[in-house]
């Protein structure tokens, strides 16, 4: 194992910038929630494990929560963990991965809001804001990495 003087086994690489750590934290938070929700819908496509009824899907293209659960688990659940791994691995396209996660979440929540309007709209709004925050962080991070000014007019 390569080791720098005074560096422990987990500090082999330089410390991630704060914006990258923020992206990883939000992506992991999102991934955990989506894996949980998706797995609940996969295990019980009638929605009872999540306190929901399949009747909620009456005006949607779905008759059960199985397909939405699979999409939630894979795309919205696993995707953010991949983006976090890309960031921790310091791949140069990590900011773009964060933007993709944020945009994916915004698309998921928007589609969900259009198909199923109800009491959970407040929760959807929270996740819409989370997706917006992750995408915004990715864009700001990309500017930071490219050396472009991050404030209007380039004044710090």
N, C-alpha and C. Protein backbone atom coordinates (compact mmCIF):
# COMPACT_ATOMS: atom_id res chain seq x y z
N UNK A 1 0.84 -1.17 0.00
CA UNK A 1 0.00 0.00 0.00
C UNK A 1 0.89 1.24 0.00
N UNK A 2 0.51 2.20 -0.83
CA UNK A 2 1.22 3.47 -0.85
C UNK A 2 0.84 4.27 0.38
N UNK A 3 1.81 4.92 0.97
CA UNK A 3 1.50 5.68 2.17
C UNK A 3 2.36 6.93 2.21
N UNK A 4 1.69 8.05 2.44
CA UNK A 4 2.42 9.30 2.62
C UNK A 4 2.76 9.44 4.09
N UNK A 5 3.80 10.19 4.39
CA UNK A 5 4.12 10.41 5.80
C UNK A 5 2.93 11.05 6.51
N UNK A 6 2.55 10.47 7.66
CA UNK A 6 1.46 11.02 8.45
C UNK A 6 0.07 10.72 7.91
N UNK A 7 -0.03 9.89 6.87
CA UNK A 7 -1.32 9.58 6.29
C UNK A 7 -1.75 8.17 6.69
N UNK A 8 -2.98 8.04 7.13
CA UNK A 8 -3.52 6.74 7.47
C UNK A 8 -3.93 6.00 6.22
N UNK A 9 -4.36 4.75 6.34
CA UNK A 9 -4.70 3.95 5.18
C UNK A 9 -5.87 4.51 4.37
N UNK A 10 -6.77 5.30 5.01
CA UNK A 10 -7.91 5.83 4.29
C UNK A 10 -7.69 7.24 3.76
N UNK A 11 -6.53 7.81 3.99
CA UNK A 11 -6.26 9.14 3.47
C UNK A 11 -5.21 9.09 2.37
N UNK A 12 -5.26 8.03 1.58
CA UNK A 12 -4.31 7.86 0.49
C UNK A 12 -4.44 9.00 -0.52
N UNK A 13 -5.65 9.42 -0.75
CA UNK A 13 -5.89 10.48 -1.72
C UNK A 13 -6.17 11.79 -0.99
N UNK A 14 -5.97 12.90 -1.69
CA UNK A 14 -6.26 14.20 -1.07
C UNK A 14 -7.73 14.27 -0.68
N UNK A 15 -8.02 15.08 0.29
CA UNK A 15 -9.39 15.22 0.81
C UNK A 15 -10.30 15.81 -0.27
N UNK A 16 -11.52 15.29 -0.34
CA UNK A 16 -12.50 15.81 -1.30
C UNK A 16 -12.87 17.24 -0.95
N UNK A 17 -13.09 18.10 -1.96
CA UNK A 17 -13.57 19.45 -1.67
C UNK A 17 -14.93 19.38 -0.98
N UNK A 18 -15.25 20.40 -0.22
CA UNK A 18 -16.51 20.43 0.51
C UNK A 18 -17.72 20.22 -0.37
N UNK A 19 -17.73 20.79 -1.55
CA UNK A 19 -18.88 20.65 -2.45
C UNK A 19 -19.03 19.21 -2.91
N UNK A 20 -17.92 18.50 -3.07
CA UNK A 20 -17.97 17.09 -3.46
C UNK A 20 -18.51 16.25 -2.30
N UNK A 21 -18.07 16.57 -1.08
CA UNK A 21 -18.58 15.85 0.10
C UNK A 21 -20.07 16.09 0.27
N UNK A 22 -20.52 17.31 0.00
CA UNK A 22 -21.95 17.62 0.09
C UNK A 22 -22.73 16.81 -0.94
N UNK A 23 -22.22 16.75 -2.17
CA UNK A 23 -22.88 15.96 -3.21
C UNK A 23 -22.98 14.49 -2.80
N UNK A 24 -21.90 13.93 -2.28
CA UNK A 24 -21.90 12.53 -1.86
C UNK A 24 -22.93 12.31 -0.75
N UNK A 25 -22.96 13.20 0.22
CA UNK A 25 -23.91 13.06 1.32
C UNK A 25 -25.35 13.09 0.84
N UNK A 26 -25.68 14.02 -0.03
CA UNK A 26 -27.04 14.11 -0.54
C UNK A 26 -27.39 12.91 -1.43
N UNK A 27 -26.43 12.47 -2.23
CA UNK A 27 -26.67 11.30 -3.09
C UNK A 27 -26.90 10.04 -2.26
N UNK A 28 -26.13 9.86 -1.22
CA UNK A 28 -26.30 8.68 -0.36
C UNK A 28 -27.66 8.76 0.35
N UNK A 29 -28.02 9.94 0.85
CA UNK A 29 -29.32 10.12 1.49
C UNK A 29 -30.45 9.76 0.54
N UNK A 30 -30.39 10.27 -0.68
CA UNK A 30 -31.40 9.98 -1.69
C UNK A 30 -31.42 8.48 -2.00
N UNK A 31 -30.25 7.89 -2.21
CA UNK A 31 -30.17 6.48 -2.56
C UNK A 31 -30.78 5.58 -1.51
N UNK A 32 -30.51 5.88 -0.24
CA UNK A 32 -31.06 5.06 0.85
C UNK A 32 -32.59 5.10 0.81
N UNK A 33 -33.14 6.30 0.70
CA UNK A 33 -34.60 6.44 0.67
C UNK A 33 -35.23 5.74 -0.52
N UNK A 34 -34.61 5.88 -1.68
CA UNK A 34 -35.16 5.27 -2.90
C UNK A 34 -35.03 3.75 -2.87
N UNK A 35 -33.93 3.24 -2.34
CA UNK A 35 -33.79 1.79 -2.22
C UNK A 35 -34.86 1.24 -1.27
N UNK A 36 -35.09 1.93 -0.17
CA UNK A 36 -36.10 1.50 0.78
C UNK A 36 -37.49 1.52 0.13
N UNK A 37 -37.87 2.66 -0.43
CA UNK A 37 -39.20 2.78 -1.04
C UNK A 37 -39.39 1.81 -2.19
N UNK A 38 -38.39 1.73 -3.05
CA UNK A 38 -38.49 0.81 -4.19
C UNK A 38 -38.63 -0.63 -3.75
N UNK A 39 -37.86 -1.02 -2.73
CA UNK A 39 -37.95 -2.41 -2.27
C UNK A 39 -39.30 -2.70 -1.65
N UNK A 40 -39.90 -1.72 -0.97
CA UNK A 40 -41.22 -1.91 -0.38
C UNK A 40 -42.28 -2.12 -1.47
N UNK A 41 -42.16 -1.40 -2.56
CA UNK A 41 -43.10 -1.57 -3.67
C UNK A 41 -42.86 -2.87 -4.43
N UNK A 42 -41.62 -3.31 -4.51
CA UNK A 42 -41.31 -4.58 -5.17
C UNK A 42 -41.84 -5.75 -4.33
N UNK A 43 -41.62 -5.66 -3.02
CA UNK A 43 -42.08 -6.73 -2.13
C UNK A 43 -43.60 -6.79 -2.02
N UNK A 44 -44.26 -5.65 -2.10
CA UNK A 44 -45.73 -5.59 -1.99
C UNK A 44 -46.26 -4.64 -3.05
N UNK A 45 -46.44 -5.12 -4.28
CA UNK A 45 -46.88 -4.24 -5.37
C UNK A 45 -48.25 -3.61 -5.16
N UNK A 46 -48.99 -4.07 -4.16
CA UNK A 46 -50.27 -3.43 -3.88
C UNK A 46 -50.09 -2.16 -3.05
N UNK A 47 -48.87 -1.90 -2.55
CA UNK A 47 -48.54 -0.68 -1.84
C UNK A 47 -48.79 -0.70 -0.35
N UNK A 48 -49.28 -1.79 0.20
CA UNK A 48 -49.66 -1.81 1.62
C UNK A 48 -48.48 -1.60 2.57
N UNK A 49 -47.26 -2.01 2.18
CA UNK A 49 -46.11 -1.80 3.06
C UNK A 49 -45.76 -0.32 3.21
N UNK A 50 -46.18 0.47 2.25
CA UNK A 50 -45.93 1.91 2.30
C UNK A 50 -47.19 2.68 2.71
N UNK A 51 -48.22 1.94 3.12
CA UNK A 51 -49.46 2.58 3.54
C UNK A 51 -50.22 3.21 2.39
N UNK A 52 -50.06 2.65 1.20
CA UNK A 52 -50.71 3.18 0.01
C UNK A 52 -51.61 2.12 -0.59
N UNK A 53 -52.53 2.56 -1.40
CA UNK A 53 -53.45 1.65 -2.07
C UNK A 53 -53.20 1.68 -3.57
N UNK A 54 -53.40 0.56 -4.22
CA UNK A 54 -53.27 0.50 -5.68
C UNK A 54 -54.32 1.37 -6.35
N UNK A 55 -55.37 1.73 -5.63
CA UNK A 55 -56.41 2.63 -6.18
C UNK A 55 -55.82 3.98 -6.55
N UNK A 56 -54.74 4.36 -5.87
CA UNK A 56 -54.07 5.63 -6.15
C UNK A 56 -53.55 5.66 -7.59
N UNK A 57 -53.29 4.48 -8.14
CA UNK A 57 -52.75 4.38 -9.50
C UNK A 57 -53.83 4.37 -10.58
N UNK A 58 -55.09 4.53 -10.20
CA UNK A 58 -56.21 4.39 -11.14
C UNK A 58 -56.05 5.24 -12.41
N UNK A 59 -55.55 6.46 -12.28
CA UNK A 59 -55.42 7.34 -13.44
C UNK A 59 -54.02 7.31 -14.05
N UNK A 60 -53.22 6.34 -13.64
CA UNK A 60 -51.86 6.22 -14.17
C UNK A 60 -51.78 5.02 -15.12
N UNK A 61 -50.66 4.87 -15.82
CA UNK A 61 -50.50 3.71 -16.71
C UNK A 61 -50.24 2.40 -15.96
N UNK A 62 -50.16 2.45 -14.63
CA UNK A 62 -49.80 1.27 -13.84
C UNK A 62 -50.98 0.76 -13.04
N UNK A 63 -51.06 -0.55 -12.89
CA UNK A 63 -52.11 -1.16 -12.07
C UNK A 63 -51.57 -1.62 -10.73
N UNK A 64 -50.25 -1.69 -10.59
CA UNK A 64 -49.60 -2.03 -9.33
C UNK A 64 -48.35 -1.17 -9.21
N UNK A 65 -47.71 -1.25 -8.05
CA UNK A 65 -46.50 -0.47 -7.81
C UNK A 65 -45.22 -1.22 -8.20
N UNK A 66 -45.35 -2.37 -8.84
CA UNK A 66 -44.16 -3.16 -9.18
C UNK A 66 -43.23 -2.41 -10.13
N UNK A 67 -43.72 -1.96 -11.26
CA UNK A 67 -42.85 -1.27 -12.23
C UNK A 67 -42.31 0.04 -11.64
N UNK A 68 -43.17 0.88 -11.04
CA UNK A 68 -42.60 2.08 -10.41
C UNK A 68 -41.58 1.73 -9.32
N UNK A 69 -41.83 0.65 -8.58
CA UNK A 69 -40.88 0.23 -7.55
C UNK A 69 -39.55 -0.19 -8.13
N UNK A 70 -39.58 -0.90 -9.25
CA UNK A 70 -38.33 -1.31 -9.91
C UNK A 70 -37.55 -0.10 -10.41
N UNK A 71 -38.27 0.87 -11.00
CA UNK A 71 -37.61 2.09 -11.48
C UNK A 71 -37.05 2.88 -10.30
N UNK A 72 -37.85 3.02 -9.26
CA UNK A 72 -37.40 3.74 -8.07
C UNK A 72 -36.15 3.09 -7.48
N UNK A 73 -36.17 1.78 -7.34
CA UNK A 73 -35.04 1.06 -6.75
C UNK A 73 -33.79 1.19 -7.61
N UNK A 74 -33.92 0.96 -8.92
CA UNK A 74 -32.73 0.93 -9.78
C UNK A 74 -32.24 2.31 -10.18
N UNK A 75 -33.12 3.11 -10.76
CA UNK A 75 -32.69 4.40 -11.31
C UNK A 75 -32.47 5.44 -10.23
N UNK A 76 -33.46 5.59 -9.36
CA UNK A 76 -33.38 6.64 -8.33
C UNK A 76 -32.64 6.14 -7.09
N UNK A 77 -32.54 4.82 -6.90
CA UNK A 77 -31.85 4.27 -5.74
C UNK A 77 -30.39 3.94 -5.99
N UNK A 78 -30.14 3.14 -7.00
CA UNK A 78 -28.76 2.73 -7.27
C UNK A 78 -27.97 3.85 -7.95
N UNK A 79 -28.63 4.61 -8.82
CA UNK A 79 -27.97 5.70 -9.54
C UNK A 79 -27.20 6.66 -8.66
N UNK A 80 -27.80 7.17 -7.58
CA UNK A 80 -27.06 8.09 -6.71
C UNK A 80 -25.85 7.45 -6.04
N UNK A 81 -25.93 6.17 -5.71
CA UNK A 81 -24.77 5.50 -5.13
C UNK A 81 -23.64 5.40 -6.16
N UNK A 82 -23.99 5.17 -7.42
CA UNK A 82 -22.97 5.15 -8.47
C UNK A 82 -22.32 6.53 -8.61
N UNK A 83 -23.16 7.58 -8.58
CA UNK A 83 -22.62 8.94 -8.67
C UNK A 83 -21.71 9.24 -7.48
N UNK A 84 -22.10 8.80 -6.29
CA UNK A 84 -21.26 9.02 -5.11
C UNK A 84 -19.93 8.27 -5.26
N UNK A 85 -19.98 7.05 -5.79
CA UNK A 85 -18.74 6.28 -6.00
C UNK A 85 -17.85 6.95 -7.03
N UNK A 86 -18.46 7.53 -8.05
CA UNK A 86 -17.69 8.26 -9.07
C UNK A 86 -16.99 9.44 -8.43
N UNK A 87 -17.68 10.13 -7.52
CA UNK A 87 -17.09 11.27 -6.83
C UNK A 87 -15.96 10.83 -5.91
N UNK A 88 -16.19 9.81 -5.11
CA UNK A 88 -15.17 9.32 -4.19
C UNK A 88 -13.96 8.81 -4.99
N UNK A 89 -14.23 8.24 -6.16
CA UNK A 89 -13.15 7.77 -7.03
C UNK A 89 -12.46 8.89 -7.80
N UNK A 90 -12.94 10.11 -7.62
CA UNK A 90 -12.35 11.31 -8.22
C UNK A 90 -12.30 11.29 -9.75
N UNK A 91 -13.33 10.69 -10.34
CA UNK A 91 -13.40 10.71 -11.79
C UNK A 91 -13.81 12.11 -12.24
N UNK A 92 -13.26 12.56 -13.34
CA UNK A 92 -13.45 13.95 -13.75
C UNK A 92 -14.89 14.29 -14.12
N UNK A 93 -15.71 13.29 -14.41
CA UNK A 93 -17.09 13.57 -14.77
C UNK A 93 -18.03 13.47 -13.55
N UNK A 94 -17.47 13.49 -12.35
CA UNK A 94 -18.28 13.42 -11.13
C UNK A 94 -19.29 14.56 -11.03
N UNK A 95 -18.93 15.81 -11.35
CA UNK A 95 -19.94 16.86 -11.29
C UNK A 95 -21.12 16.59 -12.24
N UNK A 96 -20.83 16.05 -13.41
CA UNK A 96 -21.89 15.72 -14.36
C UNK A 96 -22.77 14.60 -13.82
N UNK A 97 -22.18 13.67 -13.08
CA UNK A 97 -22.96 12.59 -12.47
C UNK A 97 -23.92 13.17 -11.43
N UNK A 98 -23.46 14.16 -10.66
CA UNK A 98 -24.33 14.80 -9.67
C UNK A 98 -25.48 15.53 -10.37
N UNK A 99 -25.19 16.20 -11.46
CA UNK A 99 -26.25 16.87 -12.22
C UNK A 99 -27.25 15.85 -12.73
N UNK A 100 -26.75 14.73 -13.25
CA UNK A 100 -27.64 13.68 -13.77
C UNK A 100 -28.54 13.12 -12.66
N UNK A 101 -28.00 12.93 -11.48
CA UNK A 101 -28.80 12.45 -10.35
C UNK A 101 -29.89 13.46 -10.02
N UNK A 102 -29.53 14.71 -9.93
CA UNK A 102 -30.50 15.75 -9.62
C UNK A 102 -31.59 15.85 -10.66
N UNK A 103 -31.23 15.83 -11.93
CA UNK A 103 -32.22 15.91 -13.01
C UNK A 103 -33.11 14.67 -13.04
N UNK A 104 -32.51 13.51 -12.78
CA UNK A 104 -33.30 12.27 -12.72
C UNK A 104 -34.33 12.35 -11.61
N UNK A 105 -33.92 12.82 -10.44
CA UNK A 105 -34.85 12.95 -9.33
C UNK A 105 -35.96 13.95 -9.66
N UNK A 106 -35.60 15.07 -10.27
CA UNK A 106 -36.62 16.05 -10.64
C UNK A 106 -37.61 15.46 -11.64
N UNK A 107 -37.12 14.69 -12.60
CA UNK A 107 -38.01 14.03 -13.57
C UNK A 107 -38.91 13.01 -12.90
N UNK A 108 -38.34 12.20 -12.01
CA UNK A 108 -39.12 11.19 -11.29
C UNK A 108 -40.24 11.85 -10.49
N UNK A 109 -39.90 12.86 -9.73
CA UNK A 109 -40.88 13.52 -8.86
C UNK A 109 -41.93 14.25 -9.70
N UNK A 110 -41.52 14.86 -10.76
CA UNK A 110 -42.48 15.56 -11.61
C UNK A 110 -43.48 14.57 -12.21
N UNK A 111 -42.98 13.44 -12.72
CA UNK A 111 -43.87 12.41 -13.28
C UNK A 111 -44.80 11.87 -12.19
N UNK A 112 -44.26 11.65 -11.01
CA UNK A 112 -45.06 11.14 -9.90
C UNK A 112 -46.16 12.15 -9.52
N UNK A 113 -45.82 13.42 -9.49
CA UNK A 113 -46.80 14.44 -9.14
C UNK A 113 -47.90 14.53 -10.18
N UNK A 114 -47.54 14.38 -11.44
CA UNK A 114 -48.54 14.46 -12.51
C UNK A 114 -49.47 13.25 -12.44
N UNK A 115 -48.92 12.07 -12.18
CA UNK A 115 -49.72 10.84 -12.17
C UNK A 115 -50.53 10.65 -10.89
N UNK A 116 -49.97 11.04 -9.77
CA UNK A 116 -50.61 10.76 -8.49
C UNK A 116 -50.59 12.03 -7.63
N UNK A 117 -51.64 12.81 -7.71
CA UNK A 117 -51.71 14.00 -6.85
C UNK A 117 -52.49 13.62 -5.60
N UNK A 118 -52.01 14.06 -4.46
CA UNK A 118 -52.70 13.74 -3.22
C UNK A 118 -51.97 14.32 -2.02
N UNK A 119 -52.16 13.70 -0.85
CA UNK A 119 -51.58 14.21 0.40
C UNK A 119 -50.07 14.22 0.38
N UNK A 120 -49.46 13.35 -0.39
CA UNK A 120 -47.99 13.24 -0.39
C UNK A 120 -47.33 14.33 -1.22
N UNK A 121 -48.09 15.27 -1.75
CA UNK A 121 -47.52 16.34 -2.57
C UNK A 121 -46.44 17.11 -1.81
N UNK A 122 -46.64 17.31 -0.52
CA UNK A 122 -45.65 18.01 0.28
C UNK A 122 -44.33 17.24 0.30
N UNK A 123 -44.39 15.92 0.48
CA UNK A 123 -43.18 15.11 0.46
C UNK A 123 -42.51 15.16 -0.90
N UNK A 124 -43.31 15.12 -1.96
CA UNK A 124 -42.74 15.20 -3.30
C UNK A 124 -42.01 16.53 -3.49
N UNK A 125 -42.57 17.60 -2.96
CA UNK A 125 -41.93 18.90 -3.09
C UNK A 125 -40.56 18.90 -2.40
N UNK A 126 -40.45 18.22 -1.25
CA UNK A 126 -39.17 18.13 -0.56
C UNK A 126 -38.15 17.42 -1.44
N UNK A 127 -38.55 16.32 -2.07
CA UNK A 127 -37.62 15.60 -2.92
C UNK A 127 -37.34 16.34 -4.22
N UNK A 128 -38.29 17.11 -4.69
CA UNK A 128 -38.04 17.96 -5.86
C UNK A 128 -36.97 18.99 -5.50
N UNK A 129 -37.07 19.56 -4.31
CA UNK A 129 -36.05 20.51 -3.86
C UNK A 129 -34.70 19.82 -3.69
N UNK A 130 -34.69 18.57 -3.20
CA UNK A 130 -33.45 17.83 -3.04
C UNK A 130 -32.79 17.59 -4.41
N UNK A 131 -33.60 17.20 -5.39
CA UNK A 131 -33.05 17.01 -6.74
C UNK A 131 -32.49 18.30 -7.31
N UNK A 132 -33.20 19.40 -7.07
CA UNK A 132 -32.72 20.70 -7.53
C UNK A 132 -31.41 21.06 -6.85
N UNK A 133 -31.32 20.79 -5.54
CA UNK A 133 -30.09 21.09 -4.81
C UNK A 133 -28.92 20.26 -5.33
N UNK A 134 -29.14 18.98 -5.57
CA UNK A 134 -28.06 18.11 -6.06
C UNK A 134 -27.60 18.56 -7.44
N UNK A 135 -28.54 18.87 -8.33
CA UNK A 135 -28.18 19.34 -9.66
C UNK A 135 -27.44 20.68 -9.58
N UNK A 136 -27.92 21.58 -8.73
CA UNK A 136 -27.26 22.88 -8.57
C UNK A 136 -25.85 22.74 -8.02
N UNK A 137 -25.68 21.84 -7.06
CA UNK A 137 -24.35 21.59 -6.51
C UNK A 137 -23.43 21.06 -7.60
N UNK A 138 -23.94 20.15 -8.42
CA UNK A 138 -23.12 19.61 -9.51
C UNK A 138 -22.70 20.69 -10.49
N UNK A 139 -23.62 21.61 -10.81
CA UNK A 139 -23.29 22.70 -11.73
C UNK A 139 -22.27 23.65 -11.10
N UNK A 140 -22.48 24.01 -9.84
CA UNK A 140 -21.52 24.90 -9.17
C UNK A 140 -20.16 24.23 -9.05
N UNK A 141 -20.18 22.94 -8.76
CA UNK A 141 -18.95 22.17 -8.64
C UNK A 141 -18.20 22.15 -9.97
N UNK A 142 -18.95 21.97 -11.05
CA UNK A 142 -18.33 21.95 -12.38
C UNK A 142 -17.64 23.28 -12.66
N UNK A 143 -18.31 24.38 -12.30
CA UNK A 143 -17.70 25.70 -12.48
C UNK A 143 -16.45 25.82 -11.62
N UNK A 144 -16.53 25.33 -10.38
CA UNK A 144 -15.40 25.38 -9.46
C UNK A 144 -14.20 24.62 -10.04
N UNK A 145 -14.47 23.42 -10.54
CA UNK A 145 -13.40 22.58 -11.09
C UNK A 145 -12.78 23.19 -12.34
N UNK A 146 -13.58 23.93 -13.12
CA UNK A 146 -13.07 24.50 -14.37
C UNK A 146 -12.37 25.84 -14.15
N UNK A 147 -12.45 26.36 -12.90
CA UNK A 147 -11.79 27.63 -12.61
C UNK A 147 -12.60 28.84 -13.01
N UNK A 148 -13.85 28.64 -13.40
CA UNK A 148 -14.71 29.77 -13.77
C UNK A 148 -15.19 30.48 -12.51
N UNK A 149 -15.48 31.77 -12.63
CA UNK A 149 -16.02 32.47 -11.46
C UNK A 149 -17.33 31.84 -11.01
N UNK A 150 -17.52 31.76 -9.70
CA UNK A 150 -18.73 31.15 -9.17
C UNK A 150 -19.74 32.16 -8.68
N UNK A 151 -19.39 33.45 -8.75
CA UNK A 151 -20.33 34.48 -8.35
C UNK A 151 -20.66 35.35 -9.55
N UNK A 152 -21.83 35.98 -9.56
CA UNK A 152 -22.18 36.87 -10.68
C UNK A 152 -21.13 37.94 -10.88
N UNK A 153 -20.72 38.13 -12.09
CA UNK A 153 -19.73 39.14 -12.41
C UNK A 153 -18.30 38.74 -12.08
N UNK A 154 -18.13 37.51 -11.55
CA UNK A 154 -16.79 37.01 -11.28
C UNK A 154 -16.14 37.61 -10.04
N UNK A 155 -16.91 38.34 -9.22
CA UNK A 155 -16.37 38.94 -8.02
C UNK A 155 -16.58 37.99 -6.84
N UNK A 156 -15.51 37.70 -6.13
CA UNK A 156 -15.63 36.79 -4.99
C UNK A 156 -16.00 37.51 -3.74
